[in-house]
């Protein structure tokens, strides 16, 4: 699942970068390049953490069930 989160982060970064290249000159004048890069990095990192959390949330109940079955078999 972590590989998937990294793949999604890379894809989103690419899409945001392409979008940033199409921003008009008046739009670029409102923010600096550093601010845009910082916002893109923060947003994609937050998305990656969310996807990793979702993956752990989906797998955790299954792991608990398997652990309980193994404990009570002995």
N, C-alpha and C. Protein backbone atom coordinates (compact mmCIF):
# COMPACT_ATOMS: atom_id res chain seq x y z
N UNK A 1 0.82 -1.19 0.00
CA UNK A 1 0.00 0.00 0.00
C UNK A 1 0.87 1.26 0.00
N UNK A 2 2.03 1.19 0.64
CA UNK A 2 2.91 2.35 0.67
C UNK A 2 3.39 2.69 -0.74
N UNK A 3 3.63 1.64 -1.55
CA UNK A 3 4.05 1.87 -2.93
C UNK A 3 2.96 2.61 -3.70
N UNK A 4 1.73 2.23 -3.46
CA UNK A 4 0.60 2.90 -4.12
C UNK A 4 0.51 4.36 -3.70
N UNK A 5 0.74 4.63 -2.41
CA UNK A 5 0.68 6.01 -1.92
C UNK A 5 1.78 6.86 -2.56
N UNK A 6 2.96 6.29 -2.71
CA UNK A 6 4.06 7.03 -3.35
C UNK A 6 3.73 7.28 -4.81
N UNK A 7 3.16 6.28 -5.48
CA UNK A 7 2.77 6.43 -6.88
C UNK A 7 1.74 7.55 -7.03
N UNK A 8 0.75 7.57 -6.15
CA UNK A 8 -0.29 8.60 -6.21
C UNK A 8 0.33 9.97 -5.94
N UNK A 9 1.24 10.05 -4.96
CA UNK A 9 1.89 11.33 -4.65
C UNK A 9 2.66 11.84 -5.86
N UNK A 10 3.38 10.96 -6.53
CA UNK A 10 4.14 11.36 -7.71
C UNK A 10 3.20 11.83 -8.82
N UNK A 11 2.11 11.11 -9.02
CA UNK A 11 1.15 11.48 -10.06
C UNK A 11 0.51 12.84 -9.77
N UNK A 12 0.13 13.05 -8.53
CA UNK A 12 -0.49 14.32 -8.15
C UNK A 12 0.51 15.46 -8.29
N UNK A 13 1.76 15.21 -7.89
CA UNK A 13 2.80 16.24 -8.04
C UNK A 13 2.97 16.63 -9.50
N UNK A 14 2.97 15.64 -10.37
CA UNK A 14 3.11 15.90 -11.80
C UNK A 14 1.93 16.72 -12.33
N UNK A 15 0.72 16.34 -11.92
CA UNK A 15 -0.46 17.09 -12.37
C UNK A 15 -0.43 18.53 -11.86
N UNK A 16 -0.05 18.71 -10.59
CA UNK A 16 0.02 20.07 -10.05
C UNK A 16 1.11 20.89 -10.73
N UNK A 17 2.23 20.26 -11.04
CA UNK A 17 3.31 20.96 -11.73
C UNK A 17 2.85 21.43 -13.11
N UNK A 18 2.17 20.55 -13.83
CA UNK A 18 1.67 20.94 -15.15
C UNK A 18 0.65 22.07 -15.05
N UNK A 19 -0.19 22.00 -14.03
CA UNK A 19 -1.18 23.06 -13.81
C UNK A 19 -0.48 24.38 -13.48
N UNK A 20 0.57 24.30 -12.65
CA UNK A 20 1.30 25.52 -12.27
C UNK A 20 1.95 26.17 -13.48
N UNK A 21 2.33 25.37 -14.47
CA UNK A 21 2.94 25.94 -15.67
C UNK A 21 1.94 26.70 -16.53
N UNK A 22 0.65 26.40 -16.37
CA UNK A 22 -0.38 27.04 -17.18
C UNK A 22 -0.99 28.28 -16.51
N UNK A 23 -0.56 28.60 -15.30
CA UNK A 23 -1.11 29.76 -14.59
C UNK A 23 -0.70 31.03 -15.32
N UNK A 24 -1.63 31.97 -15.38
CA UNK A 24 -1.36 33.22 -16.09
C UNK A 24 -0.31 34.05 -15.36
N UNK A 25 0.21 35.04 -16.06
CA UNK A 25 1.24 35.91 -15.48
C UNK A 25 0.70 36.68 -14.28
N UNK A 26 -0.54 37.12 -14.37
CA UNK A 26 -1.12 37.85 -13.23
C UNK A 26 -1.32 36.93 -12.03
N UNK A 27 -1.63 35.67 -12.29
CA UNK A 27 -1.76 34.70 -11.20
C UNK A 27 -0.42 34.39 -10.56
N UNK A 28 0.63 34.31 -11.38
CA UNK A 28 1.97 34.04 -10.85
C UNK A 28 2.51 35.22 -10.05
N UNK A 29 2.06 36.42 -10.37
CA UNK A 29 2.55 37.60 -9.66
C UNK A 29 2.07 37.64 -8.22
N UNK A 30 0.98 36.94 -7.92
CA UNK A 30 0.42 36.96 -6.57
C UNK A 30 1.21 36.12 -5.58
N UNK A 31 1.90 35.09 -6.05
CA UNK A 31 2.65 34.21 -5.15
C UNK A 31 4.03 33.95 -5.73
N UNK A 32 4.96 33.65 -4.84
CA UNK A 32 6.32 33.35 -5.30
C UNK A 32 6.42 31.88 -5.68
N UNK A 33 7.48 31.55 -6.38
CA UNK A 33 7.71 30.16 -6.78
C UNK A 33 7.87 29.28 -5.56
N UNK A 34 8.55 29.77 -4.55
CA UNK A 34 8.76 29.00 -3.32
C UNK A 34 7.45 28.67 -2.62
N UNK A 35 6.52 29.62 -2.62
CA UNK A 35 5.22 29.37 -2.00
C UNK A 35 4.45 28.30 -2.75
N UNK A 36 4.50 28.34 -4.07
CA UNK A 36 3.80 27.35 -4.88
C UNK A 36 4.39 25.97 -4.64
N UNK A 37 5.71 25.86 -4.66
CA UNK A 37 6.37 24.57 -4.43
C UNK A 37 6.05 24.06 -3.04
N UNK A 38 6.06 24.93 -2.05
CA UNK A 38 5.75 24.55 -0.67
C UNK A 38 4.32 24.03 -0.55
N UNK A 39 3.37 24.72 -1.15
CA UNK A 39 1.98 24.28 -1.09
C UNK A 39 1.80 22.94 -1.79
N UNK A 40 2.44 22.77 -2.95
CA UNK A 40 2.35 21.50 -3.67
C UNK A 40 2.93 20.37 -2.84
N UNK A 41 4.06 20.60 -2.23
CA UNK A 41 4.71 19.57 -1.42
C UNK A 41 3.86 19.20 -0.21
N UNK A 42 3.32 20.20 0.46
CA UNK A 42 2.48 19.94 1.63
C UNK A 42 1.22 19.17 1.26
N UNK A 43 0.58 19.57 0.18
CA UNK A 43 -0.66 18.90 -0.23
C UNK A 43 -0.42 17.45 -0.62
N UNK A 44 0.63 17.21 -1.39
CA UNK A 44 0.89 15.83 -1.81
C UNK A 44 1.35 14.96 -0.65
N UNK A 45 2.10 15.53 0.29
CA UNK A 45 2.52 14.76 1.47
C UNK A 45 1.31 14.40 2.33
N UNK A 46 0.38 15.33 2.46
CA UNK A 46 -0.83 15.06 3.24
C UNK A 46 -1.67 13.97 2.56
N UNK A 47 -1.77 14.00 1.26
CA UNK A 47 -2.49 12.97 0.53
C UNK A 47 -1.82 11.61 0.70
N UNK A 48 -0.50 11.57 0.64
CA UNK A 48 0.22 10.32 0.82
C UNK A 48 -0.01 9.75 2.22
N UNK A 49 0.06 10.59 3.25
CA UNK A 49 -0.19 10.12 4.62
C UNK A 49 -1.61 9.59 4.76
N UNK A 50 -2.57 10.26 4.13
CA UNK A 50 -3.96 9.81 4.19
C UNK A 50 -4.11 8.43 3.56
N UNK A 51 -3.51 8.23 2.40
CA UNK A 51 -3.62 6.94 1.72
C UNK A 51 -2.96 5.83 2.53
N UNK A 52 -1.84 6.12 3.16
CA UNK A 52 -1.19 5.11 4.01
C UNK A 52 -2.07 4.79 5.21
N UNK A 53 -2.71 5.80 5.80
CA UNK A 53 -3.59 5.58 6.94
C UNK A 53 -4.79 4.73 6.53
N UNK A 54 -5.37 5.01 5.37
CA UNK A 54 -6.50 4.22 4.89
C UNK A 54 -6.09 2.77 4.71
N UNK A 55 -4.91 2.55 4.15
CA UNK A 55 -4.42 1.18 3.97
C UNK A 55 -4.27 0.45 5.29
N UNK A 56 -3.70 1.13 6.28
CA UNK A 56 -3.55 0.50 7.60
C UNK A 56 -4.90 0.24 8.24
N UNK A 57 -5.84 1.15 8.05
CA UNK A 57 -7.17 1.00 8.63
C UNK A 57 -7.90 -0.19 8.03
N UNK A 58 -7.70 -0.44 6.76
CA UNK A 58 -8.36 -1.57 6.11
C UNK A 58 -7.73 -2.90 6.51
N UNK A 59 -6.44 -2.92 6.74
CA UNK A 59 -5.73 -4.17 7.03
C UNK A 59 -5.80 -4.53 8.51
N UNK A 60 -5.88 -3.56 9.40
CA UNK A 60 -5.83 -3.80 10.84
C UNK A 60 -6.90 -4.78 11.34
N UNK A 61 -8.17 -4.66 10.96
CA UNK A 61 -9.16 -5.64 11.45
C UNK A 61 -8.83 -7.07 11.02
N UNK A 62 -8.36 -7.23 9.82
CA UNK A 62 -7.99 -8.57 9.34
C UNK A 62 -6.83 -9.13 10.15
N UNK A 63 -5.85 -8.31 10.46
CA UNK A 63 -4.72 -8.75 11.27
C UNK A 63 -5.17 -9.14 12.67
N UNK A 64 -6.09 -8.39 13.25
CA UNK A 64 -6.60 -8.71 14.58
C UNK A 64 -7.34 -10.03 14.57
N UNK A 65 -8.17 -10.25 13.57
CA UNK A 65 -8.92 -11.51 13.47
C UNK A 65 -7.96 -12.69 13.33
N UNK A 66 -6.97 -12.56 12.48
CA UNK A 66 -6.00 -13.65 12.29
C UNK A 66 -5.25 -13.91 13.59
N UNK A 67 -4.85 -12.87 14.29
CA UNK A 67 -4.13 -13.04 15.55
C UNK A 67 -5.01 -13.73 16.59
N UNK A 68 -6.28 -13.35 16.68
CA UNK A 68 -7.18 -13.99 17.64
C UNK A 68 -7.41 -15.46 17.30
N UNK A 69 -7.56 -15.76 16.04
CA UNK A 69 -7.74 -17.16 15.62
C UNK A 69 -6.51 -17.97 15.99
N UNK A 70 -5.34 -17.45 15.74
CA UNK A 70 -4.11 -18.17 16.07
C UNK A 70 -3.95 -18.35 17.58
N UNK A 71 -4.33 -17.36 18.35
CA UNK A 71 -4.23 -17.46 19.81
C UNK A 71 -5.17 -18.53 20.35
N UNK A 72 -6.41 -18.55 19.87
CA UNK A 72 -7.39 -19.48 20.41
C UNK A 72 -7.28 -20.88 19.83
N UNK A 73 -6.49 -21.09 18.81
CA UNK A 73 -6.26 -22.43 18.27
C UNK A 73 -5.36 -23.24 19.19
N UNK A 74 -4.50 -22.57 19.92
CA UNK A 74 -3.54 -23.30 20.75
C UNK A 74 -4.09 -23.65 22.08
